[in-house]
């Protein structure tokens, strides 16, 4: 089991930047980690994911603007968000998968099959 705590959310103007962080503890080896978001009245959607070999996956809507990175020395997952738009307003969640490596990180990410989830951090762009 992995404990995940997100931080770094807040309010920002259109075109601004934010850097989200997700501190993970407990069973700290996570094959696949990702960021998701959910806007009011909308379903949760994938934003980005990364796996242990360094591969990354991004939603088309954030490609070129968001960057996912993982610092295993500090047990922190980051999401650098640049050129933010009002459509990026949502609660952002961190997720980690520790057991089902055979599925592949892309499959885990695209189907939201993570077994550990954080509580979320709010991002508001206006």
Protein backbone atom coordinates (compact mmCIF):
# COMPACT_ATOMS: atom_id res chain seq x y z
CA UNK A 1 0.00 0.00 0.00
CA UNK A 2 1.24 3.50 -0.90
CA UNK A 3 0.18 6.73 0.79
CA UNK A 4 -0.10 9.66 -1.60
CA UNK A 5 -0.39 13.32 -0.60
CA UNK A 6 -0.83 15.99 -3.26
CA UNK A 7 0.10 19.63 -2.89
CA UNK A 8 0.78 22.69 -5.01
CA UNK A 9 -2.69 23.47 -6.23
CA UNK A 10 -4.14 26.94 -6.15
CA UNK A 11 -5.60 29.74 -8.20
CA UNK A 12 -3.77 31.12 -11.21
CA UNK A 13 -4.54 33.34 -14.16
CA UNK A 14 -4.82 32.10 -17.72
CA UNK A 15 -1.36 31.58 -19.13
CA UNK A 16 0.16 31.03 -15.72
CA UNK A 17 1.97 28.02 -14.29
CA UNK A 18 1.69 25.70 -11.34
CA UNK A 19 3.75 22.78 -10.13
CA UNK A 20 1.90 19.99 -8.41
CA UNK A 21 3.67 17.57 -6.11
CA UNK A 22 2.69 14.16 -4.85
CA UNK A 23 4.63 12.81 -1.90
CA UNK A 24 4.47 9.04 -1.65
CA UNK A 25 5.32 6.85 1.31
CA UNK A 26 4.79 3.34 2.53
CA UNK A 27 5.48 0.83 -0.19
CA UNK A 28 7.49 3.33 -2.18
CA UNK A 29 8.19 1.23 -5.24
CA UNK A 30 5.56 2.10 -7.79
CA UNK A 31 5.85 0.68 -11.28
CA UNK A 32 3.50 3.23 -12.73
CA UNK A 33 2.38 6.63 -11.40
CA UNK A 34 0.06 9.18 -12.85
CA UNK A 35 -1.95 12.35 -12.54
CA UNK A 36 -5.67 12.58 -13.14
CA UNK A 37 -8.19 15.38 -12.91
CA UNK A 38 -11.88 15.80 -12.45
CA UNK A 39 -13.82 18.96 -13.12
CA UNK A 40 -17.26 19.53 -11.54
CA UNK A 41 -19.89 17.51 -13.37
CA UNK A 42 -17.28 15.71 -15.44
CA UNK A 43 -15.77 12.24 -15.31
CA UNK A 44 -12.23 11.78 -14.12
CA UNK A 45 -9.68 11.89 -16.92
CA UNK A 46 -6.05 10.98 -17.26
CA UNK A 47 -3.54 13.79 -17.52
CA UNK A 48 -0.14 12.10 -17.53
CA UNK A 49 1.66 8.99 -16.36
CA UNK A 50 5.21 7.75 -16.01
CA UNK A 51 6.72 4.33 -15.43
CA UNK A 52 9.99 3.08 -14.04
CA UNK A 53 11.77 2.92 -17.40
CA UNK A 54 11.14 6.64 -17.86
CA UNK A 55 8.36 6.32 -20.42
CA UNK A 56 5.71 9.02 -20.19
CA UNK A 57 2.16 9.32 -21.44
CA UNK A 58 0.10 12.50 -21.81
CA UNK A 59 -3.43 13.44 -22.64
CA UNK A 60 -3.58 15.23 -25.99
CA UNK A 61 -5.03 18.30 -24.30
CA UNK A 62 -1.92 18.82 -22.18
CA UNK A 63 0.89 17.74 -24.51
CA UNK A 64 3.51 20.45 -24.80
CA UNK A 65 2.19 22.26 -21.72
CA UNK A 66 2.46 19.74 -18.88
CA UNK A 67 5.45 17.68 -17.81
CA UNK A 68 5.38 14.72 -15.44
CA UNK A 69 8.52 13.83 -13.52
CA UNK A 70 9.46 11.55 -10.65
CA UNK A 71 12.19 12.05 -8.06
CA UNK A 72 12.80 8.68 -6.41
CA UNK A 73 15.45 10.14 -4.09
CA UNK A 74 12.76 12.29 -2.48
CA UNK A 75 9.75 10.07 -3.22
CA UNK A 76 7.93 12.86 -5.03
CA UNK A 77 5.97 12.90 -8.27
CA UNK A 78 5.63 16.28 -9.97
CA UNK A 79 3.38 17.75 -12.59
CA UNK A 80 4.66 20.98 -14.08
CA UNK A 81 1.77 22.80 -15.70
CA UNK A 82 2.48 25.74 -18.01
CA UNK A 83 0.28 27.96 -20.14
CA UNK A 84 -2.76 27.05 -18.10
CA UNK A 85 -6.24 27.55 -19.48
CA UNK A 86 -9.65 27.73 -17.84
CA UNK A 87 -10.32 24.21 -19.11
CA UNK A 88 -7.55 22.97 -16.83
CA UNK A 89 -9.62 23.88 -13.77
CA UNK A 90 -10.22 20.68 -11.83
CA UNK A 91 -9.32 18.63 -8.81
CA UNK A 92 -6.04 16.90 -9.57
CA UNK A 93 -5.27 13.45 -8.19
CA UNK A 94 -2.09 11.46 -7.95
CA UNK A 95 -2.19 7.69 -8.42
CA UNK A 96 0.23 4.80 -8.08
CA UNK A 97 0.20 1.18 -9.17
CA UNK A 98 2.45 -1.24 -7.34
CA UNK A 99 1.39 -4.75 -8.30
CA UNK A 100 -0.06 -5.26 -11.78
CA UNK A 101 3.04 -4.61 -13.77
CA UNK A 102 2.12 -7.25 -16.34
CA UNK A 103 -0.70 -4.99 -17.57
CA UNK A 104 1.70 -2.31 -18.72
CA UNK A 105 1.66 1.28 -17.55
CA UNK A 106 -0.14 2.60 -20.63
CA UNK A 107 -3.03 0.17 -20.06
CA UNK A 108 -3.12 0.96 -16.35
CA UNK A 109 -3.17 4.70 -17.10
CA UNK A 110 -5.71 4.63 -19.93
CA UNK A 111 -8.10 2.46 -17.91
CA UNK A 112 -7.42 4.12 -14.54
CA UNK A 113 -6.48 0.80 -12.95
CA UNK A 114 -4.29 2.27 -10.23
CA UNK A 115 -4.62 0.69 -6.81
CA UNK A 116 -3.60 3.76 -4.79
CA UNK A 117 -5.08 7.26 -5.01
CA UNK A 118 -4.45 10.55 -3.25
CA UNK A 119 -7.06 12.95 -1.91
CA UNK A 120 -6.52 15.57 -4.57
CA UNK A 121 -5.46 19.19 -4.87
CA UNK A 122 -7.61 21.89 -6.46
CA UNK A 123 -6.42 23.88 -9.46
CA UNK A 124 -8.45 26.91 -10.52
CA UNK A 125 -7.58 28.90 -13.63
CA UNK A 126 -9.39 32.15 -14.32
